[in-house]
């Protein structure tokens, strides 16, 4: 499993270690530096990612863009030594954990949004980390009964919790020692959303065209990336004849190589379950067959190494993280303009989104939310969206698909999680986003072929916002009651019910 291992052994994850891809390499830290290992992406680093400045050592897991350069570790090391960890806030995009050792101590530096998922053993005397909880677990760690219950109900956890007391996810956006955590994260000034496409395009251009691959769905997130970048390879998975494949197929000429296939088409990877048991251990219930399909596409397009993911673009384009389930939630999806007048508090929104939890379980979440968002100059809708992105469903569940599973084969680039794009979107008016009133502005500078084509829910960025909720309702009914219109998500749920 790619990532950094301090004071633990990657071979403690035998299935993941045995499945290490051809473009992954094991590097052992010099003995005089630390007891550590790195499994890194050789497409991102031609040599082990190590830099030394003024006898201080830096070792990086992942990638980053700093001062308009990709992975300038020596330059970043120099600036950290001379100016301190606050320079990390100038990283424009990245998925990383960086080990830093000087005469005084060892420090871990994490990316601002927690995309490089690693865990820390708080019972250890020094820094002990790994990309999987299973690599850290000892007989000294005890189960957290509240987290067990929450995981059963939600399929994922929140905050930095795992199922075990004293094993936590590394705090995002921080400089971490064995006894302290210092945040370096501060927001950039937001840009106009109609200008964000140019930042997506600029980010895309940091990697060679011949390495770029885009998973294209029928939705707007991946299409926005396609409208603002050039990609050699593309693919879509979904049932044959489904809206996903029909809609995505309109853009197959944008790629030199494009492949559409059924999510259930490939034989299940013989080690998938064992690999998932290691990678998702004590943190979430993973989606089956994702690893198999990422492995398949990596073999099918073996020259593609940079995977552009529309990760969480829906919550920015459509404000989905202030939605909630239930009768009231469904009603508000029909009349989303009401969000402007009800003005839900953060407490109320989170309680509605986590209604399955007991009062005691929810209180744990609420206290965590207050701590994690206390110093953010955001309103309640923005805070809920931020928390869900970094510490909730986004950062503790959705992230596992691309930034963990797909990251075993590719360098993962998530443009919606780059700083200028994220910081601009997080500060938008979410009562407008959830009402689809920001779509026209966001797509205003894209070519007509991208903004005129409907998504599988029947609307396009050009559809008048007032009509979109009713169009969506009609299409959702069709997804569930007309088998030929089912997307892969609906199809998977049907298969799960049949197998029970």
Protein backbone atom coordinates (compact mmCIF):
# COMPACT_ATOMS: atom_id res chain seq x y z
CA UNK A 1 0.00 0.00 0.00
CA UNK A 2 1.51 3.31 -1.07
CA UNK A 3 2.36 5.71 1.71
CA UNK A 4 4.73 6.34 4.62
CA UNK A 5 5.44 3.87 7.40
CA UNK A 6 7.22 5.12 10.52
CA UNK A 7 8.16 2.62 13.22
CA UNK A 8 6.06 -0.06 11.55
CA UNK A 9 6.44 -2.43 8.61
CA UNK A 10 4.54 -2.29 5.28
CA UNK A 11 4.79 -6.08 5.15
CA UNK A 12 2.29 -6.14 8.02
CA UNK A 13 -0.22 -5.59 5.19
CA UNK A 14 0.67 -8.75 3.23
CA UNK A 15 -2.07 -8.64 0.58
CA UNK A 16 -1.49 -4.96 -0.18
CA UNK A 17 2.28 -5.39 -0.17
CA UNK A 18 2.12 -8.35 -2.55
CA UNK A 19 -0.16 -6.40 -4.90
CA UNK A 20 2.20 -3.42 -5.14
CA UNK A 21 1.98 -2.10 -8.71
CA UNK A 22 4.89 -2.03 -11.17
CA UNK A 23 5.22 1.74 -10.80
CA UNK A 24 5.46 1.56 -7.00
CA UNK A 25 8.80 1.24 -5.24
CA UNK A 26 9.81 0.45 -1.67
CA UNK A 27 12.35 2.81 -0.08
CA UNK A 28 13.84 2.29 3.37
CA UNK A 29 14.83 5.38 5.34
CA UNK A 30 18.54 5.67 6.18
CA UNK A 31 19.13 4.07 9.59
CA UNK A 32 20.51 7.30 11.05
CA UNK A 33 17.33 9.16 10.08
CA UNK A 34 14.45 6.97 11.29
CA UNK A 35 12.98 3.49 11.29
CA UNK A 36 10.79 4.07 8.29
CA UNK A 37 9.69 2.96 4.85
CA UNK A 38 8.11 4.66 1.89
CA UNK A 39 6.18 3.04 -0.94
CA UNK A 40 6.17 5.74 -3.57
CA UNK A 41 4.97 6.36 -7.11
CA UNK A 42 7.88 6.17 -9.55
CA UNK A 43 5.92 8.17 -12.11
CA UNK A 44 5.83 11.08 -9.65
CA UNK A 45 9.43 10.64 -8.42
CA UNK A 46 12.24 9.24 -10.57
CA UNK A 47 14.44 8.95 -7.45
CA UNK A 48 13.44 8.53 -3.78
CA UNK A 49 11.76 11.78 -2.62
CA UNK A 50 14.39 12.94 -0.14
CA UNK A 51 15.99 16.35 0.34
CA UNK A 52 18.53 17.68 2.86
CA UNK A 53 18.96 21.35 3.72
CA UNK A 54 21.27 22.56 6.49
CA UNK A 55 21.48 18.98 7.80
CA UNK A 56 17.68 18.81 8.13
CA UNK A 57 16.06 15.89 6.32
CA UNK A 58 12.78 15.88 4.38
CA UNK A 59 11.11 12.77 2.92
CA UNK A 60 7.83 13.11 1.02
CA UNK A 61 4.95 10.76 0.36
CA UNK A 62 2.66 11.98 -2.42
CA UNK A 63 3.00 15.08 -4.62
CA UNK A 64 2.60 18.86 -4.43
CA UNK A 65 2.80 22.03 -6.51
CA UNK A 66 4.82 24.85 -4.96
CA UNK A 67 5.93 28.10 -6.58
CA UNK A 68 4.61 26.91 -9.94
CA UNK A 69 6.73 23.75 -9.85
CA UNK A 70 5.76 20.10 -9.45
CA UNK A 71 7.44 18.35 -6.51
CA UNK A 72 10.29 20.84 -5.82
CA UNK A 73 11.13 19.15 -2.52
CA UNK A 74 14.56 20.79 -2.16
CA UNK A 75 13.03 24.26 -2.61
CA UNK A 76 10.23 23.53 -0.15
CA UNK A 77 12.71 22.14 2.38
CA UNK A 78 14.80 25.31 2.16
CA UNK A 79 11.76 27.54 2.70
CA UNK A 80 10.47 25.47 5.63
CA UNK A 81 13.85 25.64 7.38
CA UNK A 82 14.20 29.38 6.79
CA UNK A 83 10.60 30.50 7.26
CA UNK A 84 8.75 27.73 9.07
CA UNK A 85 5.85 25.39 8.22
CA UNK A 86 3.54 28.30 7.36
CA UNK A 87 4.98 28.22 3.82
CA UNK A 88 2.94 25.04 3.28
CA UNK A 89 -0.10 27.27 2.91
CA UNK A 90 1.45 28.44 -0.38
CA UNK A 91 1.20 24.94 -1.87
CA UNK A 92 -1.38 25.33 -4.63
CA UNK A 93 -2.35 21.66 -4.76
CA UNK A 94 -1.13 18.41 -3.31
CA UNK A 95 -1.68 15.07 -1.66
CA UNK A 96 1.15 14.58 0.80
CA UNK A 97 2.68 13.65 4.12
CA UNK A 98 6.21 14.96 4.59
CA UNK A 99 8.65 13.70 7.24
CA UNK A 100 10.95 16.43 8.57
CA UNK A 101 13.85 15.76 10.94
CA UNK A 102 16.14 18.30 12.54
CA UNK A 103 18.39 18.18 15.60
CA UNK A 104 15.48 18.84 17.94
CA UNK A 105 12.66 16.61 16.78
CA UNK A 106 10.78 14.73 14.08
CA UNK A 107 7.76 16.42 12.50
CA UNK A 108 5.06 15.34 10.06
CA UNK A 109 3.59 17.87 7.62
CA UNK A 110 0.17 17.02 6.15
CA UNK A 111 -1.72 18.36 3.16
CA UNK A 112 -4.41 20.93 4.01
CA UNK A 113 -7.47 18.83 3.16
CA UNK A 114 -6.40 15.41 4.42
CA UNK A 115 -6.25 13.80 0.98
CA UNK A 116 -3.21 11.70 1.90
CA UNK A 117 -4.92 9.49 4.44
CA UNK A 118 -2.48 8.32 7.12
CA UNK A 119 -2.98 7.29 10.74
CA UNK A 120 -0.97 7.82 13.92
CA UNK A 121 -0.52 5.64 16.99
CA UNK A 122 -0.95 7.90 20.02
CA UNK A 123 0.30 5.20 22.40
CA UNK A 124 3.74 5.13 20.80
CA UNK A 125 6.62 7.02 22.41
CA UNK A 126 7.56 8.71 19.13
CA UNK A 127 5.92 9.22 15.77
CA UNK A 128 4.40 5.96 14.53
CA UNK A 129 2.30 6.28 11.38
CA UNK A 130 0.98 4.24 8.44
CA UNK A 131 -1.62 4.58 5.66
CA UNK A 132 -3.66 1.80 7.29
CA UNK A 133 -4.89 1.35 10.86
CA UNK A 134 -4.11 -2.36 10.61
CA UNK A 135 -0.38 -1.69 10.33
CA UNK A 136 -0.47 0.16 13.68
CA UNK A 137 -2.77 -2.05 15.73
CA UNK A 138 -1.33 -3.69 18.85
CA UNK A 139 -2.81 -5.51 21.83
CA UNK A 140 -2.61 -2.25 23.76
CA UNK A 141 -5.29 -0.59 21.63
CA UNK A 142 -8.91 -0.90 22.71
CA UNK A 143 -12.10 -0.75 20.67
CA UNK A 144 -14.24 2.37 20.84
CA UNK A 145 -17.83 1.17 21.25
CA UNK A 146 -19.35 4.45 20.09
CA UNK A 147 -17.35 4.34 16.86
CA UNK A 148 -18.37 0.72 16.28
CA UNK A 149 -22.01 1.74 16.47
CA UNK A 150 -21.50 4.79 14.24
CA UNK A 151 -19.67 2.77 11.59
CA UNK A 152 -22.53 0.25 11.42
CA UNK A 153 -25.03 3.06 10.91
CA UNK A 154 -23.15 5.38 8.53
CA UNK A 155 -20.61 3.07 6.79
CA UNK A 156 -17.88 5.58 7.74
CA UNK A 157 -16.59 7.57 10.70
CA UNK A 158 -15.96 11.30 11.15
CA UNK A 159 -13.34 13.67 12.50
CA UNK A 160 -10.05 11.84 12.89
CA UNK A 161 -11.58 8.86 14.72
CA UNK A 162 -10.99 5.19 13.97
CA UNK A 163 -12.52 2.14 15.64
CA UNK A 164 -9.61 2.07 18.09
CA UNK A 165 -8.85 4.45 20.90
CA UNK A 166 -5.48 6.16 20.45
CA UNK A 167 -5.23 5.44 16.71
CA UNK A 168 -6.31 8.51 14.78
CA UNK A 169 -6.16 9.89 11.29
CA UNK A 170 -3.39 12.48 10.97
CA UNK A 171 -4.76 15.98 11.39
CA UNK A 172 -5.01 17.72 7.98
CA UNK A 173 -3.14 20.95 7.37
CA UNK A 174 -0.81 20.65 10.32
CA UNK A 175 2.76 20.28 11.55
CA UNK A 176 2.63 17.29 13.92
CA UNK A 177 5.17 16.12 16.49
CA UNK A 178 4.78 13.36 19.06
CA UNK A 179 3.20 15.84 21.46
CA UNK A 180 1.89 18.82 19.47
CA UNK A 181 -0.16 19.81 16.42
CA UNK A 182 0.19 23.24 14.85
CA UNK A 183 -2.18 24.24 12.06
CA UNK A 184 -0.76 26.18 9.12
CA UNK A 185 -4.02 26.42 7.14
CA UNK A 186 -5.54 29.80 6.27
CA UNK A 187 -7.99 30.52 3.46
CA UNK A 188 -7.06 32.25 0.23
CA UNK A 189 -9.27 35.08 -1.00
CA UNK A 190 -12.04 33.62 -3.14
CA UNK A 191 -12.07 34.10 -6.91
CA UNK A 192 -15.16 34.55 -9.08
CA UNK A 193 -16.56 31.09 -9.81
CA UNK A 194 -16.84 31.83 -13.54
CA UNK A 195 -13.02 32.14 -13.62
CA UNK A 196 -12.22 28.85 -11.88
CA UNK A 197 -12.03 26.88 -15.11
CA UNK A 198 -8.75 28.56 -16.00
CA UNK A 199 -7.24 27.40 -12.68
CA UNK A 200 -8.38 23.84 -13.40
CA UNK A 201 -6.73 24.04 -16.82
CA UNK A 202 -3.50 25.43 -15.33
CA UNK A 203 -3.40 22.60 -12.79
CA UNK A 204 -3.98 19.99 -15.49
CA UNK A 205 -1.01 21.24 -17.49
CA UNK A 206 1.53 20.37 -14.79
CA UNK A 207 1.55 16.76 -16.04
CA UNK A 208 2.42 15.58 -19.57
CA UNK A 209 -0.55 15.14 -21.89
CA UNK A 210 0.45 11.55 -22.71
CA UNK A 211 -0.01 10.52 -19.05
CA UNK A 212 -3.45 12.02 -18.41
CA UNK A 213 -6.56 9.91 -17.87
CA UNK A 214 -10.05 11.11 -16.94
CA UNK A 215 -12.88 8.91 -15.62
CA UNK A 216 -15.92 10.45 -17.31
CA UNK A 217 -19.38 10.00 -15.83
CA UNK A 218 -22.71 11.38 -16.97
CA UNK A 219 -22.53 14.11 -14.31
CA UNK A 220 -21.08 17.60 -14.21
CA UNK A 221 -17.99 17.07 -12.06
CA UNK A 222 -15.86 15.11 -14.51
CA UNK A 223 -17.40 17.03 -17.42
CA UNK A 224 -16.21 20.30 -15.88
CA UNK A 225 -12.68 18.90 -15.84
CA UNK A 226 -13.04 17.81 -19.47
CA UNK A 227 -14.31 21.26 -20.46
CA UNK A 228 -11.26 22.85 -18.84
CA UNK A 229 -8.45 20.49 -19.78
CA UNK A 230 -7.10 18.06 -22.37
CA UNK A 231 -6.78 14.34 -21.63
CA UNK A 232 -5.34 11.57 -23.80
CA UNK A 233 -7.26 8.74 -22.13
CA UNK A 234 -10.83 8.51 -20.91
CA UNK A 235 -13.14 5.83 -19.58
CA UNK A 236 -16.68 5.37 -18.31
CA UNK A 237 -18.11 2.46 -16.36
CA UNK A 238 -21.81 1.67 -16.25
CA UNK A 239 -24.33 -0.87 -17.53
CA UNK A 240 -24.45 -1.15 -21.31
CA UNK A 241 -27.08 1.20 -22.73
CA UNK A 242 -27.32 3.14 -19.45
CA UNK A 243 -27.63 6.96 -19.37
CA UNK A 244 -24.09 7.13 -17.98
CA UNK A 245 -22.55 5.57 -21.03
CA UNK A 246 -24.84 7.29 -23.52
CA UNK A 247 -24.21 10.77 -22.11
CA UNK A 248 -20.48 10.32 -21.52
CA UNK A 249 -20.23 8.85 -25.01
CA UNK A 250 -21.07 12.25 -26.50
CA UNK A 251 -17.53 13.30 -25.55
CA UNK A 252 -15.51 10.26 -26.57
CA UNK A 253 -14.02 12.22 -29.48
CA UNK A 254 -12.34 14.52 -26.94
CA UNK A 255 -9.93 11.68 -26.13
CA UNK A 256 -7.39 9.89 -28.28
CA UNK A 257 -8.37 6.68 -26.49
CA UNK A 258 -11.73 6.10 -24.81
CA UNK A 259 -13.15 2.94 -23.25
CA UNK A 260 -16.64 2.26 -21.86
CA UNK A 261 -17.36 -0.91 -19.91
CA UNK A 262 -19.69 -2.44 -17.36
CA UNK A 263 -18.66 -2.03 -13.72
CA UNK A 264 -19.37 -5.75 -13.17
CA UNK A 265 -17.77 -6.92 -16.40
CA UNK A 266 -14.29 -7.82 -15.17
CA UNK A 267 -13.58 -10.91 -13.04
CA UNK A 268 -13.17 -9.90 -9.43
CA UNK A 269 -9.51 -9.41 -8.55
CA UNK A 270 -8.56 -12.51 -6.58
CA UNK A 271 -7.05 -10.47 -3.75
CA UNK A 272 -9.58 -7.62 -3.69
CA UNK A 273 -11.31 -8.61 -0.46
CA UNK A 274 -8.02 -9.18 1.38
CA UNK A 275 -6.69 -5.84 0.12
CA UNK A 276 -9.86 -3.99 1.14
CA UNK A 277 -9.77 -5.63 4.56
CA UNK A 278 -6.31 -4.12 5.08
CA UNK A 279 -6.80 -0.70 3.52
CA UNK A 280 -10.26 0.09 4.95
CA UNK A 281 -9.68 -1.64 8.29
CA UNK A 282 -11.38 0.10 11.25
CA UNK A 283 -12.42 3.16 9.25
CA UNK A 284 -15.16 2.49 6.67
CA UNK A 285 -17.15 -0.03 4.67
CA UNK A 286 -15.70 0.14 1.15
CA UNK A 287 -17.53 -0.21 -2.17
CA UNK A 288 -16.87 -3.58 -3.75
CA UNK A 289 -15.25 -3.91 -7.18
CA UNK A 290 -13.67 -0.45 -7.25
CA UNK A 291 -10.20 -1.90 -6.75
CA UNK A 292 -10.86 -4.46 -9.51
CA UNK A 293 -11.91 -1.76 -11.94
CA UNK A 294 -9.01 0.57 -11.16
CA UNK A 295 -6.62 -2.36 -11.60
CA UNK A 296 -8.27 -3.18 -14.92
CA UNK A 297 -8.09 0.34 -16.33
CA UNK A 298 -4.46 0.69 -15.20
CA UNK A 299 -3.63 -2.39 -17.25
CA UNK A 300 -5.82 -1.38 -20.19
CA UNK A 301 -4.10 2.02 -20.45
CA UNK A 302 -0.68 1.19 -19.06
CA UNK A 303 0.85 4.48 -20.27
CA UNK A 304 -1.65 6.55 -18.28
CA UNK A 305 -0.28 7.53 -14.89
CA UNK A 306 -2.04 10.80 -13.92
CA UNK A 307 -5.67 10.26 -12.90
CA UNK A 308 -7.85 13.39 -12.79
CA UNK A 309 -10.76 12.95 -10.43
CA UNK A 310 -13.88 15.11 -10.06
CA UNK A 311 -13.76 14.36 -6.32
CA UNK A 312 -16.58 16.16 -4.48
CA UNK A 313 -17.33 18.61 -7.26
CA UNK A 314 -21.05 18.02 -6.71
CA UNK A 315 -21.01 19.55 -3.25
CA UNK A 316 -19.61 22.76 -4.72
CA UNK A 317 -21.68 22.90 -7.91
CA UNK A 318 -24.94 21.82 -6.26
CA UNK A 319 -24.40 22.30 -2.52
CA UNK A 320 -25.12 18.64 -1.79
CA UNK A 321 -23.60 18.61 1.70
CA UNK A 322 -26.36 20.79 3.10
CA UNK A 323 -28.95 18.29 1.84
CA UNK A 324 -30.26 15.51 4.05
CA UNK A 325 -32.41 12.39 3.77
CA UNK A 326 -35.99 11.89 4.89
CA UNK A 327 -39.36 13.39 3.96
CA UNK A 328 -38.33 16.93 4.84
CA UNK A 329 -35.10 16.56 2.90
CA UNK A 330 -36.96 15.28 -0.17
CA UNK A 331 -39.39 18.18 0.03
CA UNK A 332 -36.55 20.68 0.19
CA UNK A 333 -35.01 19.13 -2.92
CA UNK A 334 -38.20 20.20 -4.73
CA UNK A 335 -38.16 23.72 -3.27
CA UNK A 336 -34.47 24.35 -2.50
CA UNK A 337 -34.94 28.14 -2.53
CA UNK A 338 -36.34 27.65 0.98
CA UNK A 339 -32.74 27.30 2.24
CA UNK A 340 -32.43 31.06 1.81
CA UNK A 341 -35.26 31.68 4.26
CA UNK A 342 -35.04 28.85 6.80
CA UNK A 343 -31.32 29.43 7.42
CA UNK A 344 -30.64 26.13 9.18
CA UNK A 345 -28.07 26.23 11.97
CA UNK A 346 -25.03 23.99 11.67
CA UNK A 347 -26.30 21.93 14.62
CA UNK A 348 -29.68 21.36 12.96
CA UNK A 349 -28.19 20.47 9.58
CA UNK A 350 -25.74 17.99 11.05
CA UNK A 351 -28.44 16.41 13.22
CA UNK A 352 -30.59 15.92 10.12
CA UNK A 353 -27.66 14.51 8.15
CA UNK A 354 -26.69 12.17 11.00
CA UNK A 355 -30.17 11.32 12.24
CA UNK A 356 -29.24 7.63 12.65
CA UNK A 357 -26.95 8.45 15.58
CA UNK A 358 -28.07 8.40 19.20
CA UNK A 359 -27.94 11.68 21.09
CA UNK A 360 -24.72 10.59 22.76
CA UNK A 361 -23.10 9.63 19.47
CA UNK A 362 -24.18 12.86 17.85
CA UNK A 363 -22.76 14.85 20.74
CA UNK A 364 -19.32 13.39 19.93
CA UNK A 365 -19.71 14.60 16.34
CA UNK A 366 -21.00 18.01 17.41
CA UNK A 367 -18.11 18.64 19.78
CA UNK A 368 -15.66 17.56 17.08
CA UNK A 369 -17.34 19.87 14.57
CA UNK A 370 -17.08 22.83 16.94
CA UNK A 371 -13.38 22.25 17.57
CA UNK A 372 -12.54 21.71 13.89
CA UNK A 373 -14.42 24.79 12.64
CA UNK A 374 -14.04 27.20 15.58
CA UNK A 375 -11.44 29.43 13.92
CA UNK A 376 -12.93 29.46 10.42
CA UNK A 377 -14.51 32.69 9.21
CA UNK A 378 -17.38 30.89 7.51
CA UNK A 379 -21.15 30.85 7.97
CA UNK A 380 -22.97 27.70 9.09
CA UNK A 381 -23.69 26.35 5.59
CA UNK A 382 -20.06 26.84 4.66
CA UNK A 383 -18.82 25.25 7.89
CA UNK A 384 -20.98 22.16 7.40
CA UNK A 385 -19.71 21.81 3.83
CA UNK A 386 -16.11 22.27 4.97
CA UNK A 387 -16.47 19.74 7.79
CA UNK A 388 -18.12 17.13 5.58
CA UNK A 389 -15.43 17.64 2.90
CA UNK A 390 -12.47 17.28 5.28
CA UNK A 391 -13.80 15.33 8.27
CA UNK A 392 -17.15 13.81 7.26
CA UNK A 393 -18.48 11.83 4.33
CA UNK A 394 -15.99 13.36 1.90
CA UNK A 395 -12.77 13.03 3.86
CA UNK A 396 -13.64 9.77 5.61
CA UNK A 397 -15.52 7.86 2.88
CA UNK A 398 -15.51 9.28 -0.64
CA UNK A 399 -11.76 9.91 -0.47
CA UNK A 400 -11.15 6.17 -0.17
CA UNK A 401 -12.20 5.47 -3.76
CA UNK A 402 -9.77 7.66 -5.62
CA UNK A 403 -7.13 8.87 -3.20
CA UNK A 404 -6.62 5.44 -1.65
CA UNK A 405 -7.70 2.71 -4.09
CA UNK A 406 -6.97 4.40 -7.44
CA UNK A 407 -3.84 5.88 -5.88
CA UNK A 408 -2.30 2.41 -5.79
CA UNK A 409 -1.96 2.66 -9.59
CA UNK A 410 -1.99 6.36 -10.48
CA UNK A 411 -1.01 9.82 -9.32
CA UNK A 412 -4.40 11.23 -8.26
CA UNK A 413 -5.16 14.87 -9.07
CA UNK A 414 -8.39 16.30 -7.63
CA UNK A 415 -8.84 19.81 -9.09
CA UNK A 416 -11.83 20.64 -6.87
CA UNK A 417 -9.47 20.11 -3.92
CA UNK A 418 -6.76 22.45 -5.22
CA UNK A 419 -6.44 25.52 -3.04
CA UNK A 420 -7.70 28.30 -5.33
CA UNK A 421 -10.67 26.22 -6.49
CA UNK A 422 -11.53 24.82 -3.04
CA UNK A 423 -11.08 28.10 -1.20
CA UNK A 424 -13.25 29.95 -3.73
CA UNK A 425 -16.05 27.39 -3.69
CA UNK A 426 -16.10 26.95 0.09
CA UNK A 427 -16.79 30.67 0.50
CA UNK A 428 -19.72 30.76 -1.95
CA UNK A 429 -23.38 31.26 -1.04
CA UNK A 430 -24.65 27.72 -0.51
CA UNK A 431 -28.30 28.74 -0.53
CA UNK A 432 -27.65 29.64 -4.18
CA UNK A 433 -25.62 26.51 -4.92
CA UNK A 434 -28.24 24.13 -3.50
CA UNK A 435 -30.84 25.94 -5.64
CA UNK A 436 -28.74 25.41 -8.81
CA UNK A 437 -28.44 29.18 -9.19
CA UNK A 438 -24.65 29.16 -9.53
CA UNK A 439 -24.47 26.69 -12.41
CA UNK A 440 -24.83 29.20 -15.23
CA UNK A 441 -22.06 31.42 -13.84
CA UNK A 442 -19.74 28.48 -13.24
CA UNK A 443 -20.19 27.16 -16.77
CA UNK A 444 -20.46 30.54 -18.53
CA UNK A 445 -16.97 30.41 -20.07
CA UNK A 446 -17.09 26.80 -21.26
CA UNK A 447 -17.89 25.65 -24.80
CA UNK A 448 -21.56 25.09 -25.64
CA UNK A 449 -21.18 21.36 -26.17
CA UNK A 450 -20.32 20.92 -22.50
CA UNK A 451 -23.00 23.09 -20.96
CA UNK A 452 -25.91 22.23 -23.26
CA UNK A 453 -25.83 18.44 -22.86
CA UNK A 454 -28.08 17.16 -20.06
CA UNK A 455 -26.83 14.94 -17.24
CA UNK A 456 -28.48 11.62 -16.35
CA UNK A 457 -30.91 13.53 -14.12
CA UNK A 458 -32.29 15.37 -17.15
CA UNK A 459 -30.97 18.92 -16.75
CA UNK A 460 -27.98 20.87 -18.01
CA UNK A 461 -26.09 23.91 -16.70
CA UNK A 462 -28.27 25.95 -19.07
CA UNK A 463 -31.59 24.71 -17.67
CA UNK A 464 -33.48 27.42 -15.73
CA UNK A 465 -32.81 26.74 -12.06
CA UNK A 466 -36.49 26.80 -11.10
CA UNK A 467 -37.24 23.75 -13.27
CA UNK A 468 -34.30 21.56 -12.25
CA UNK A 469 -35.76 20.05 -9.03
CA UNK A 470 -38.87 18.79 -10.81
CA UNK A 471 -36.88 17.40 -13.74
CA UNK A 472 -34.62 15.60 -11.27
CA UNK A 473 -37.58 14.07 -9.45
CA UNK A 474 -38.99 12.63 -12.66
CA UNK A 475 -35.65 11.14 -13.65
CA UNK A 476 -34.98 9.69 -10.21
CA UNK A 477 -38.27 7.81 -10.43
CA UNK A 478 -37.21 6.44 -13.81
CA UNK A 479 -33.84 5.27 -12.44
CA UNK A 480 -35.58 3.17 -9.81
CA UNK A 481 -38.57 1.85 -11.73
CA UNK A 482 -37.26 1.42 -15.30
CA UNK A 483 -34.44 -1.17 -15.24
CA UNK A 484 -32.86 0.01 -18.51
CA UNK A 485 -32.29 3.48 -17.06
CA UNK A 486 -30.44 2.30 -13.94
CA UNK A 487 -26.95 3.67 -13.40
CA UNK A 488 -24.22 1.53 -11.85
CA UNK A 489 -25.03 2.78 -8.33
CA UNK A 490 -28.65 1.67 -8.56
CA UNK A 491 -27.59 -1.58 -10.23
CA UNK A 492 -25.14 -2.34 -7.41
CA UNK A 493 -27.83 -1.77 -4.78
CA UNK A 494 -30.16 -4.15 -6.63
CA UNK A 495 -27.42 -6.78 -6.76
CA UNK A 496 -26.74 -6.38 -3.02
CA UNK A 497 -30.43 -6.93 -2.23
CA UNK A 498 -30.54 -10.02 -4.45
CA UNK A 499 -27.49 -11.47 -2.69
CA UNK A 500 -28.97 -11.08 0.78
